[in-house]
């Protein structure tokens, strides 16, 4: 977990509590370089929301320039991660 990422999220004004919660979940999984790669399902479980809600939030964050999404293929589980 990166405390720097946590601090940035806490200081940012989001449109809704759900947005802040999703971004806190991402920050919880961030390394010291600010990179985070939890699965959508992991974020949804952490936040207690539907995976589709997480997907919408990620798209909104990307469009707003709050994060960049890079899909990566992992052969061991054949899924893309953010």
N, C-alpha and C. Protein backbone atom coordinates (compact mmCIF):
# COMPACT_ATOMS: atom_id res chain seq x y z
N UNK A 1 0.84 -1.18 0.00
CA UNK A 1 0.00 0.00 0.00
C UNK A 1 0.89 1.24 0.00
N UNK A 2 0.48 2.21 -0.78
CA UNK A 2 1.20 3.46 -0.86
C UNK A 2 0.45 4.54 -0.09
N UNK A 3 1.07 5.02 0.98
CA UNK A 3 0.43 6.09 1.75
C UNK A 3 0.35 7.37 0.95
N UNK A 4 1.30 7.58 0.05
CA UNK A 4 1.27 8.76 -0.81
C UNK A 4 0.00 8.75 -1.67
N UNK A 5 -0.32 7.58 -2.24
CA UNK A 5 -1.53 7.46 -3.05
C UNK A 5 -2.78 7.69 -2.20
N UNK A 6 -2.78 7.15 -0.99
CA UNK A 6 -3.90 7.37 -0.07
C UNK A 6 -4.11 8.86 0.20
N UNK A 7 -3.00 9.56 0.48
CA UNK A 7 -3.08 10.99 0.78
C UNK A 7 -3.65 11.78 -0.39
N UNK A 8 -3.26 11.42 -1.60
CA UNK A 8 -3.77 12.11 -2.80
C UNK A 8 -5.28 11.89 -2.93
N UNK A 9 -5.73 10.67 -2.69
CA UNK A 9 -7.16 10.37 -2.80
C UNK A 9 -7.95 11.13 -1.73
N UNK A 10 -7.47 11.13 -0.50
CA UNK A 10 -8.18 11.83 0.58
C UNK A 10 -8.29 13.32 0.30
N UNK A 11 -7.31 13.90 -0.34
CA UNK A 11 -7.30 15.34 -0.60
C UNK A 11 -8.17 15.74 -1.80
N UNK A 12 -8.49 14.78 -2.66
CA UNK A 12 -9.23 15.08 -3.88
C UNK A 12 -10.73 15.19 -3.61
N UNK A 13 -11.40 16.12 -4.28
CA UNK A 13 -12.85 16.27 -4.20
C UNK A 13 -13.49 15.41 -5.28
N UNK A 14 -14.22 14.40 -4.88
CA UNK A 14 -14.93 13.52 -5.81
C UNK A 14 -16.40 13.91 -5.85
N UNK A 15 -17.10 13.46 -6.89
CA UNK A 15 -18.52 13.77 -7.05
C UNK A 15 -19.41 12.95 -6.12
N UNK A 16 -18.92 11.80 -5.67
CA UNK A 16 -19.75 10.94 -4.82
C UNK A 16 -18.87 10.13 -3.87
N UNK A 17 -19.46 9.64 -2.78
CA UNK A 17 -18.71 8.77 -1.88
C UNK A 17 -18.25 7.47 -2.56
N UNK A 18 -19.05 6.98 -3.51
CA UNK A 18 -18.67 5.76 -4.22
C UNK A 18 -17.38 5.98 -5.01
N UNK A 19 -17.27 7.13 -5.65
CA UNK A 19 -16.04 7.43 -6.41
C UNK A 19 -14.83 7.43 -5.48
N UNK A 20 -14.96 8.07 -4.33
CA UNK A 20 -13.83 8.11 -3.39
C UNK A 20 -13.49 6.71 -2.89
N UNK A 21 -14.51 5.91 -2.61
CA UNK A 21 -14.28 4.56 -2.11
C UNK A 21 -13.55 3.70 -3.15
N UNK A 22 -13.96 3.80 -4.40
CA UNK A 22 -13.30 3.04 -5.46
C UNK A 22 -11.85 3.48 -5.59
N UNK A 23 -11.62 4.78 -5.57
CA UNK A 23 -10.25 5.26 -5.70
C UNK A 23 -9.40 4.88 -4.48
N UNK A 24 -10.00 4.85 -3.29
CA UNK A 24 -9.27 4.39 -2.10
C UNK A 24 -8.90 2.91 -2.23
N UNK A 25 -9.78 2.12 -2.82
CA UNK A 25 -9.49 0.70 -3.03
C UNK A 25 -8.32 0.53 -4.00
N UNK A 26 -8.29 1.37 -5.02
CA UNK A 26 -7.17 1.33 -5.97
C UNK A 26 -5.88 1.74 -5.26
N UNK A 27 -5.96 2.80 -4.46
CA UNK A 27 -4.78 3.29 -3.73
C UNK A 27 -4.28 2.23 -2.74
N UNK A 28 -5.21 1.49 -2.14
CA UNK A 28 -4.83 0.45 -1.18
C UNK A 28 -3.93 -0.60 -1.83
N UNK A 29 -4.14 -0.83 -3.11
CA UNK A 29 -3.36 -1.84 -3.83
C UNK A 29 -2.16 -1.26 -4.58
N UNK A 30 -1.91 0.03 -4.42
CA UNK A 30 -0.82 0.68 -5.16
C UNK A 30 0.55 0.38 -4.54
N UNK A 31 1.54 0.31 -5.42
CA UNK A 31 2.91 0.18 -4.94
C UNK A 31 3.47 1.59 -4.70
N UNK A 32 4.71 1.67 -4.29
CA UNK A 32 5.31 2.98 -3.97
C UNK A 32 5.45 3.87 -5.20
N UNK A 33 5.40 3.28 -6.39
CA UNK A 33 5.46 4.06 -7.61
C UNK A 33 4.09 4.55 -8.07
N UNK A 34 3.04 4.18 -7.32
CA UNK A 34 1.70 4.61 -7.65
C UNK A 34 0.96 3.69 -8.60
N UNK A 35 1.59 2.57 -8.96
CA UNK A 35 0.93 1.62 -9.86
C UNK A 35 0.10 0.64 -9.04
N UNK A 36 -1.08 0.35 -9.58
CA UNK A 36 -2.01 -0.53 -8.89
C UNK A 36 -2.63 -1.47 -9.91
N UNK A 37 -2.83 -2.72 -9.55
CA UNK A 37 -3.35 -3.68 -10.52
C UNK A 37 -4.38 -4.65 -9.94
N UNK A 38 -5.27 -4.19 -9.06
CA UNK A 38 -6.30 -5.12 -8.57
C UNK A 38 -7.33 -5.44 -9.65
N UNK A 39 -7.93 -6.58 -9.55
CA UNK A 39 -9.00 -6.96 -10.47
C UNK A 39 -10.26 -6.16 -10.13
N UNK A 40 -11.11 -5.98 -11.11
CA UNK A 40 -12.39 -5.30 -10.90
C UNK A 40 -13.16 -6.01 -9.78
N UNK A 41 -13.16 -7.32 -9.81
CA UNK A 41 -13.86 -8.10 -8.79
C UNK A 41 -13.30 -7.82 -7.39
N UNK A 42 -12.00 -7.65 -7.28
CA UNK A 42 -11.36 -7.34 -6.00
C UNK A 42 -11.81 -5.98 -5.49
N UNK A 43 -11.81 -4.99 -6.37
CA UNK A 43 -12.24 -3.64 -5.99
C UNK A 43 -13.71 -3.67 -5.56
N UNK A 44 -14.53 -4.36 -6.33
CA UNK A 44 -15.97 -4.45 -6.02
C UNK A 44 -16.18 -5.08 -4.64
N UNK A 45 -15.48 -6.14 -4.35
CA UNK A 45 -15.60 -6.80 -3.05
C UNK A 45 -15.15 -5.92 -1.91
N UNK A 46 -14.06 -5.21 -2.11
CA UNK A 46 -13.53 -4.30 -1.10
C UNK A 46 -14.51 -3.19 -0.79
N UNK A 47 -15.19 -2.69 -1.83
CA UNK A 47 -16.11 -1.55 -1.70
C UNK A 47 -17.54 -1.95 -1.38
N UNK A 48 -17.87 -3.23 -1.60
CA UNK A 48 -19.24 -3.68 -1.39
C UNK A 48 -20.19 -3.19 -2.46
N UNK A 49 -19.69 -3.10 -3.69
CA UNK A 49 -20.50 -2.64 -4.83
C UNK A 49 -20.39 -3.64 -5.97
N UNK A 50 -21.22 -3.47 -6.98
CA UNK A 50 -21.22 -4.38 -8.12
C UNK A 50 -20.00 -4.15 -9.02
N UNK A 51 -19.48 -5.20 -9.64
CA UNK A 51 -18.35 -5.03 -10.56
C UNK A 51 -18.66 -4.04 -11.69
N UNK A 52 -19.88 -4.01 -12.16
CA UNK A 52 -20.25 -3.07 -13.23
C UNK A 52 -20.11 -1.63 -12.75
N UNK A 53 -20.42 -1.36 -11.50
CA UNK A 53 -20.24 -0.02 -10.93
C UNK A 53 -18.76 0.36 -10.93
N UNK A 54 -17.92 -0.59 -10.58
CA UNK A 54 -16.47 -0.34 -10.61
C UNK A 54 -16.02 -0.02 -12.03
N UNK A 55 -16.50 -0.78 -13.00
CA UNK A 55 -16.12 -0.54 -14.40
C UNK A 55 -16.53 0.86 -14.84
N UNK A 56 -17.73 1.29 -14.46
CA UNK A 56 -18.17 2.65 -14.82
C UNK A 56 -17.28 3.71 -14.17
N UNK A 57 -16.92 3.49 -12.91
CA UNK A 57 -16.08 4.45 -12.21
C UNK A 57 -14.68 4.51 -12.85
N UNK A 58 -14.13 3.36 -13.20
CA UNK A 58 -12.80 3.34 -13.82
C UNK A 58 -12.82 4.10 -15.15
N UNK A 59 -13.87 3.90 -15.92
CA UNK A 59 -13.99 4.61 -17.20
C UNK A 59 -14.08 6.11 -16.96
N UNK A 60 -14.87 6.51 -15.97
CA UNK A 60 -15.01 7.93 -15.64
C UNK A 60 -13.67 8.53 -15.19
N UNK A 61 -12.93 7.79 -14.34
CA UNK A 61 -11.63 8.26 -13.87
C UNK A 61 -10.65 8.42 -15.02
N UNK A 62 -10.67 7.46 -15.93
CA UNK A 62 -9.77 7.51 -17.08
C UNK A 62 -10.11 8.72 -17.97
N UNK A 63 -11.39 8.94 -18.22
CA UNK A 63 -11.82 10.07 -19.05
C UNK A 63 -11.47 11.41 -18.41
N UNK A 64 -11.51 11.46 -17.07
CA UNK A 64 -11.18 12.69 -16.34
C UNK A 64 -9.68 12.88 -16.18
N UNK A 65 -8.89 11.88 -16.57
CA UNK A 65 -7.45 11.98 -16.45
C UNK A 65 -6.92 11.69 -15.05
N UNK A 66 -7.75 11.06 -14.21
CA UNK A 66 -7.34 10.73 -12.85
C UNK A 66 -6.49 9.47 -12.77
N UNK A 67 -6.63 8.63 -13.78
CA UNK A 67 -5.78 7.44 -13.85
C UNK A 67 -5.68 6.97 -15.29
N UNK A 68 -4.69 6.17 -15.53
CA UNK A 68 -4.49 5.58 -16.86
C UNK A 68 -4.67 4.07 -16.71
N UNK A 69 -5.42 3.51 -17.62
CA UNK A 69 -5.66 2.06 -17.57
C UNK A 69 -4.84 1.39 -18.66
N UNK A 70 -4.08 0.41 -18.22
CA UNK A 70 -3.27 -0.37 -19.15
C UNK A 70 -3.66 -1.83 -18.96
N UNK A 71 -4.28 -2.40 -19.96
CA UNK A 71 -4.67 -3.80 -19.86
C UNK A 71 -3.46 -4.68 -20.09
N UNK A 72 -3.40 -5.74 -19.33
CA UNK A 72 -2.26 -6.64 -19.39
C UNK A 72 -2.78 -8.07 -19.41
N UNK A 73 -2.26 -8.86 -20.30
CA UNK A 73 -2.66 -10.26 -20.40
C UNK A 73 -1.79 -11.10 -19.49
N UNK A 74 -2.45 -11.86 -18.62
CA UNK A 74 -1.72 -12.75 -17.71
C UNK A 74 -2.07 -14.18 -18.07
N UNK A 75 -1.14 -14.92 -18.67
CA UNK A 75 -1.43 -16.28 -19.14
C UNK A 75 -1.92 -17.22 -18.05
N UNK A 76 -1.48 -17.01 -16.81
CA UNK A 76 -1.85 -17.97 -15.76
C UNK A 76 -3.34 -17.95 -15.44
N UNK A 77 -4.02 -16.80 -15.62
CA UNK A 77 -5.46 -16.82 -15.36
C UNK A 77 -6.27 -16.24 -16.52
N UNK A 78 -5.60 -15.91 -17.61
CA UNK A 78 -6.23 -15.47 -18.84
C UNK A 78 -7.19 -14.30 -18.64
N UNK A 79 -6.80 -13.36 -17.82
CA UNK A 79 -7.63 -12.18 -17.58
C UNK A 79 -6.81 -10.93 -17.77
N UNK A 80 -7.52 -9.86 -18.06
CA UNK A 80 -6.88 -8.55 -18.12
C UNK A 80 -6.99 -7.89 -16.76
N UNK A 81 -6.01 -7.11 -16.43
CA UNK A 81 -6.01 -6.38 -15.17
C UNK A 81 -5.79 -4.91 -15.43
N UNK A 82 -6.16 -4.07 -14.46
CA UNK A 82 -5.91 -2.64 -14.58
C UNK A 82 -4.85 -2.24 -13.59
